[in-house]
N, C-alpha and C. Protein backbone atom coordinates (compact mmCIF):
# COMPACT_ATOMS: atom_id res chain seq x y z
N MET A 1 21.88 -11.76 -4.98
CA MET A 1 22.74 -10.38 -5.35
C MET A 1 22.08 -9.76 -3.60
N LYS A 2 22.87 -8.94 -3.25
CA LYS A 2 22.52 -8.32 -2.08
C LYS A 2 22.47 -6.45 -2.51
N VAL A 3 21.25 -5.97 -2.46
CA VAL A 3 21.00 -4.50 -2.68
C VAL A 3 20.51 -4.22 -1.35
N ASN A 4 21.64 -3.16 -0.52
CA ASN A 4 21.11 -1.99 0.55
C ASN A 4 20.28 -1.20 0.09
N ILE A 5 19.21 -1.10 1.05
CA ILE A 5 18.09 -0.18 1.26
C ILE A 5 18.02 0.61 2.45
N LYS A 6 17.70 1.91 2.38
CA LYS A 6 17.89 2.80 3.75
C LYS A 6 16.68 3.18 3.05
N LYS A 7 15.87 3.35 4.76
CA LYS A 7 14.34 3.98 4.76
C LYS A 7 15.19 5.28 5.31
N ILE A 8 14.24 6.46 4.07
CA ILE A 8 14.80 8.16 4.70
C ILE A 8 13.85 8.50 5.39
N THR A 9 12.27 7.83 5.56
CA THR A 9 11.31 8.52 6.42
C THR A 9 10.85 7.37 7.09
N ASP A 10 10.31 7.51 8.19
CA ASP A 10 9.58 6.47 9.29
C ASP A 10 8.06 5.97 8.47
N SER A 11 7.73 6.76 7.33
CA SER A 11 6.45 5.99 6.70
C SER A 11 7.04 5.83 5.35
N SER A 12 8.13 5.57 4.66
CA SER A 12 8.47 4.27 3.69
C SER A 12 8.29 2.75 4.46
N LEU A 13 8.07 2.35 2.92
CA LEU A 13 8.06 0.94 3.14
C LEU A 13 9.33 0.09 2.18
N ILE A 14 9.67 -0.28 2.64
CA ILE A 14 11.09 -1.89 1.78
C ILE A 14 10.13 -1.92 0.56
N PRO A 15 10.95 -2.11 -0.10
CA PRO A 15 9.97 -2.96 -1.86
C PRO A 15 9.94 -4.51 -1.01
N THR A 16 8.67 -4.64 -1.97
CA THR A 16 8.40 -6.34 -1.76
C THR A 16 8.56 -6.88 -3.28
N ARG A 17 8.29 -8.71 -2.85
CA ARG A 17 8.07 -9.20 -4.36
C ARG A 17 7.00 -9.81 -4.25
N GLY A 18 5.74 -9.60 -5.12
CA GLY A 18 4.61 -9.71 -4.98
C GLY A 18 4.38 -11.41 -5.12
N SER A 19 5.42 -11.90 -5.87
CA SER A 19 5.14 -13.41 -5.79
C SER A 19 6.98 -14.43 -5.87
N VAL A 20 7.32 -15.48 -6.10
CA VAL A 20 8.50 -15.94 -5.99
C VAL A 20 8.67 -15.73 -7.25
N ASP A 21 8.24 -16.24 -8.50
CA ASP A 21 8.22 -16.09 -9.63
C ASP A 21 8.14 -14.55 -10.10
N ALA A 22 8.03 -13.39 -9.58
CA ALA A 22 8.01 -11.98 -9.90
C ALA A 22 9.59 -11.72 -10.68
N ALA A 23 9.29 -10.86 -11.60
CA ALA A 23 10.36 -10.03 -11.82
C ALA A 23 11.41 -9.20 -11.32
N GLY A 24 10.58 -8.59 -10.19
CA GLY A 24 11.16 -7.60 -10.03
C GLY A 24 10.59 -7.56 -8.31
N TYR A 25 10.70 -6.49 -8.18
CA TYR A 25 10.40 -5.95 -6.53
C TYR A 25 9.09 -4.56 -6.67
N ASP A 26 8.08 -4.24 -6.13
CA ASP A 26 7.66 -3.19 -6.07
C ASP A 26 7.73 -2.66 -5.43
N LEU A 27 7.62 -1.05 -5.56
CA LEU A 27 8.00 0.05 -4.87
C LEU A 27 6.60 0.36 -4.46
N TYR A 28 6.75 1.36 -3.51
CA TYR A 28 5.66 2.04 -2.60
C TYR A 28 5.44 3.46 -2.66
N ALA A 29 5.04 4.50 -2.70
CA ALA A 29 4.83 5.37 -2.91
C ALA A 29 5.05 5.67 -1.28
N ASP A 30 5.67 6.96 -1.29
CA ASP A 30 5.50 7.69 -0.20
C ASP A 30 4.95 8.62 0.58
N ILE A 31 3.10 8.52 0.43
CA ILE A 31 2.90 10.04 0.68
C ILE A 31 1.55 9.45 1.82
N HIS A 32 1.08 11.07 2.23
CA HIS A 32 0.84 11.28 3.21
C HIS A 32 -0.84 11.71 3.18
N PRO A 33 -1.76 11.13 2.92
CA PRO A 33 -3.24 11.46 2.55
C PRO A 33 -3.97 12.33 3.09
N LYS A 34 -3.29 12.86 4.24
CA LYS A 34 -4.04 14.30 4.76
C LYS A 34 -3.37 15.50 4.37
N THR A 35 -2.65 15.34 3.28
CA THR A 35 -1.49 16.61 2.80
C THR A 35 -0.98 16.06 1.20
N GLU A 36 -1.38 15.12 0.63
CA GLU A 36 -1.16 14.80 -0.37
C GLU A 36 -2.47 14.50 -1.14
N GLY A 37 -3.18 15.10 -2.60
CA GLY A 37 -4.10 14.58 -2.96
C GLY A 37 -4.32 13.65 -4.20
N GLU A 38 -5.12 13.87 -5.21
CA GLU A 38 -5.19 13.36 -6.63
C GLU A 38 -4.31 14.24 -7.63
N ILE A 39 -4.05 13.20 -8.59
CA ILE A 39 -2.88 13.95 -9.74
C ILE A 39 -4.06 14.17 -10.95
N PRO A 40 -3.74 15.55 -10.98
CA PRO A 40 -5.07 16.05 -12.23
C PRO A 40 -4.54 14.92 -13.48
N PRO A 41 -5.19 14.78 -14.76
CA PRO A 41 -5.14 14.43 -16.11
C PRO A 41 -3.84 15.26 -16.65
N GLY A 42 -2.92 14.68 -17.20
CA GLY A 42 -2.29 15.31 -17.71
C GLY A 42 -1.35 16.03 -17.11
N THR A 43 -1.19 16.28 -15.86
CA THR A 43 -0.27 16.90 -15.42
C THR A 43 0.81 15.65 -14.67
N THR A 44 2.41 16.00 -14.44
CA THR A 44 3.29 15.32 -13.87
C THR A 44 4.04 15.89 -12.44
N VAL A 45 3.65 15.29 -12.18
CA VAL A 45 4.35 15.11 -10.26
C VAL A 45 5.33 13.93 -10.41
N LYS A 46 6.68 14.57 -9.46
CA LYS A 46 7.37 13.66 -8.56
C LYS A 46 6.53 12.77 -7.40
N ILE A 47 6.60 11.58 -7.02
CA ILE A 47 6.03 11.08 -5.68
C ILE A 47 7.89 10.12 -5.19
N GLY A 48 7.60 10.77 -4.22
CA GLY A 48 9.19 10.13 -3.20
C GLY A 48 8.79 8.47 -3.11
N THR A 49 9.50 7.77 -2.57
CA THR A 49 9.38 6.20 -2.15
C THR A 49 9.54 6.09 -0.67
N GLY A 50 10.67 7.45 -0.15
CA GLY A 50 10.91 7.37 1.14
C GLY A 50 12.38 6.57 1.06
N ILE A 51 13.00 5.66 0.25
CA ILE A 51 13.89 5.30 0.28
C ILE A 51 15.09 5.52 -0.81
N ALA A 52 16.35 4.78 -0.23
CA ALA A 52 17.53 4.98 -1.07
C ALA A 52 18.21 3.56 -1.09
N MET A 53 18.49 3.22 -2.41
CA MET A 53 19.14 2.24 -2.35
C MET A 53 21.10 2.19 -3.08
N GLU A 54 21.43 1.14 -3.07
CA GLU A 54 23.01 1.15 -2.84
C GLU A 54 23.12 -0.02 -4.17
N ILE A 55 22.61 0.25 -5.29
CA ILE A 55 22.83 -0.52 -6.62
C ILE A 55 24.05 -0.89 -6.84
N PRO A 56 24.34 -2.41 -6.90
CA PRO A 56 25.91 -2.84 -7.11
C PRO A 56 26.68 -2.31 -8.56
N LYS A 57 27.85 -1.77 -8.37
CA LYS A 57 28.12 -1.13 -9.77
C LYS A 57 28.17 -2.31 -10.68
N GLY A 58 27.75 -1.48 -12.01
CA GLY A 58 27.83 -2.81 -13.10
C GLY A 58 25.89 -2.99 -13.46
N TYR A 59 25.51 -2.81 -12.46
CA TYR A 59 23.86 -3.10 -12.48
C TYR A 59 23.13 -1.68 -12.30
N ALA A 60 21.85 -1.61 -12.44
CA ALA A 60 21.17 -0.63 -12.50
C ALA A 60 19.92 -0.75 -12.11
N GLY A 61 19.03 0.04 -11.98
CA GLY A 61 17.26 -0.42 -11.22
C GLY A 61 16.76 0.62 -12.08
N PHE A 62 15.53 -0.62 -12.62
CA PHE A 62 14.44 0.16 -13.99
C PHE A 62 13.26 0.04 -13.04
N ILE A 63 12.43 1.26 -13.03
CA ILE A 63 11.31 1.48 -13.09
C ILE A 63 10.16 1.53 -14.03
N TYR A 64 9.36 0.46 -14.21
CA TYR A 64 8.23 0.14 -15.15
C TYR A 64 6.68 0.38 -14.30
N ALA A 65 6.03 0.95 -14.86
CA ALA A 65 4.25 1.13 -14.08
C ALA A 65 4.11 -0.16 -14.16
N ARG A 66 3.39 -0.69 -12.68
CA ARG A 66 2.67 -1.84 -13.00
C ARG A 66 1.37 -1.69 -13.85
N SER A 67 1.18 -3.23 -14.29
CA SER A 67 0.08 -3.28 -15.55
C SER A 67 -1.12 -2.72 -14.66
N GLY A 68 -1.50 -2.95 -13.44
CA GLY A 68 -2.33 -3.45 -13.12
C GLY A 68 -2.32 -1.44 -12.89
N ILE A 69 -2.18 -0.85 -12.05
CA ILE A 69 -2.05 0.54 -11.89
C ILE A 69 -2.31 1.88 -13.34
N ALA A 70 -1.78 0.60 -13.68
CA ALA A 70 -1.31 1.61 -15.31
C ALA A 70 -2.81 1.74 -16.28
N THR A 71 -2.90 0.12 -16.28
CA THR A 71 -4.54 0.24 -17.00
C THR A 71 -5.56 0.64 -16.21
N LYS A 72 -5.56 0.91 -14.92
CA LYS A 72 -6.82 0.71 -14.20
C LYS A 72 -7.35 2.17 -13.66
N LYS A 73 -5.48 3.06 -13.54
CA LYS A 73 -5.72 4.44 -12.62
C LYS A 73 -4.81 5.57 -14.47
N GLY A 74 -4.41 4.95 -15.06
CA GLY A 74 -3.67 5.84 -16.02
C GLY A 74 -2.19 6.31 -16.00
N LEU A 75 -1.84 5.82 -15.03
CA LEU A 75 -0.66 6.34 -14.31
C LEU A 75 0.68 5.97 -14.72
N ARG A 76 1.91 6.53 -15.17
CA ARG A 76 3.04 5.57 -15.79
C ARG A 76 3.93 6.65 -15.40
N PRO A 77 5.38 6.42 -15.35
CA PRO A 77 6.45 7.35 -15.27
C PRO A 77 6.28 8.08 -16.39
N ALA A 78 6.54 9.72 -16.47
CA ALA A 78 6.77 10.32 -17.04
C ALA A 78 7.20 9.85 -18.51
N ASN A 79 8.72 9.31 -17.80
CA ASN A 79 9.73 9.11 -19.09
C ASN A 79 9.58 7.33 -19.64
N CYS A 80 8.28 6.80 -19.57
CA CYS A 80 7.92 5.43 -19.26
C CYS A 80 8.49 4.53 -18.28
N VAL A 81 9.80 4.65 -18.72
CA VAL A 81 10.68 3.95 -17.61
C VAL A 81 11.84 4.19 -16.99
N GLY A 82 11.97 4.52 -14.98
CA GLY A 82 12.35 5.04 -14.81
C GLY A 82 14.15 4.60 -14.75
N VAL A 83 15.27 4.75 -14.84
CA VAL A 83 16.59 4.21 -14.61
C VAL A 83 16.84 5.03 -13.33
N VAL A 84 17.77 4.03 -12.64
CA VAL A 84 18.42 4.40 -11.44
C VAL A 84 19.72 3.97 -11.80
N ASP A 85 21.16 4.44 -11.67
CA ASP A 85 22.04 4.36 -11.59
C ASP A 85 22.90 3.79 -10.46
N ALA A 86 23.89 3.33 -10.71
CA ALA A 86 24.48 2.17 -9.70
C ALA A 86 25.24 2.83 -8.81
N ASP A 87 25.40 4.78 -9.04
CA ASP A 87 26.03 5.60 -8.26
C ASP A 87 25.21 6.55 -7.93
N TYR A 88 24.14 6.54 -8.08
CA TYR A 88 23.02 7.23 -7.26
C TYR A 88 23.03 6.90 -5.79
N ARG A 89 22.51 7.98 -5.12
CA ARG A 89 22.31 7.64 -3.68
C ARG A 89 21.38 8.06 -2.92
N GLY A 90 20.69 9.00 -3.82
CA GLY A 90 19.39 10.02 -3.15
C GLY A 90 18.18 9.13 -3.13
N GLU A 91 17.17 9.46 -2.58
CA GLU A 91 15.92 8.79 -2.64
C GLU A 91 15.33 8.56 -3.93
N ILE A 92 14.65 7.57 -3.96
CA ILE A 92 14.29 6.88 -5.22
C ILE A 92 12.61 7.58 -5.43
N ILE A 93 12.84 8.63 -6.55
CA ILE A 93 11.44 9.21 -6.75
C ILE A 93 11.40 8.86 -8.09
N VAL A 94 9.74 8.61 -8.40
CA VAL A 94 8.96 8.71 -9.47
C VAL A 94 8.40 9.31 -10.28
């Protein structure tokens, strides 16, 4: 299946597959170390990915916490699972 991906910023990274048998693709935060710091415990922040996707009609994108980051850093999406609808064309924000 083809999913069109558009970079919105020059610094954004296109999602990658961690291995041939990976269940999905890894998203990357489009953050700038000089302007963005740590996330304090118990707070909620929106982190942009710098990309937009054209998910085919009849499908959706799902964003889950990666087990490594979730376990090591205690980070996860505020609603536990992010849903990207097929008709959404804006920046993917976690």
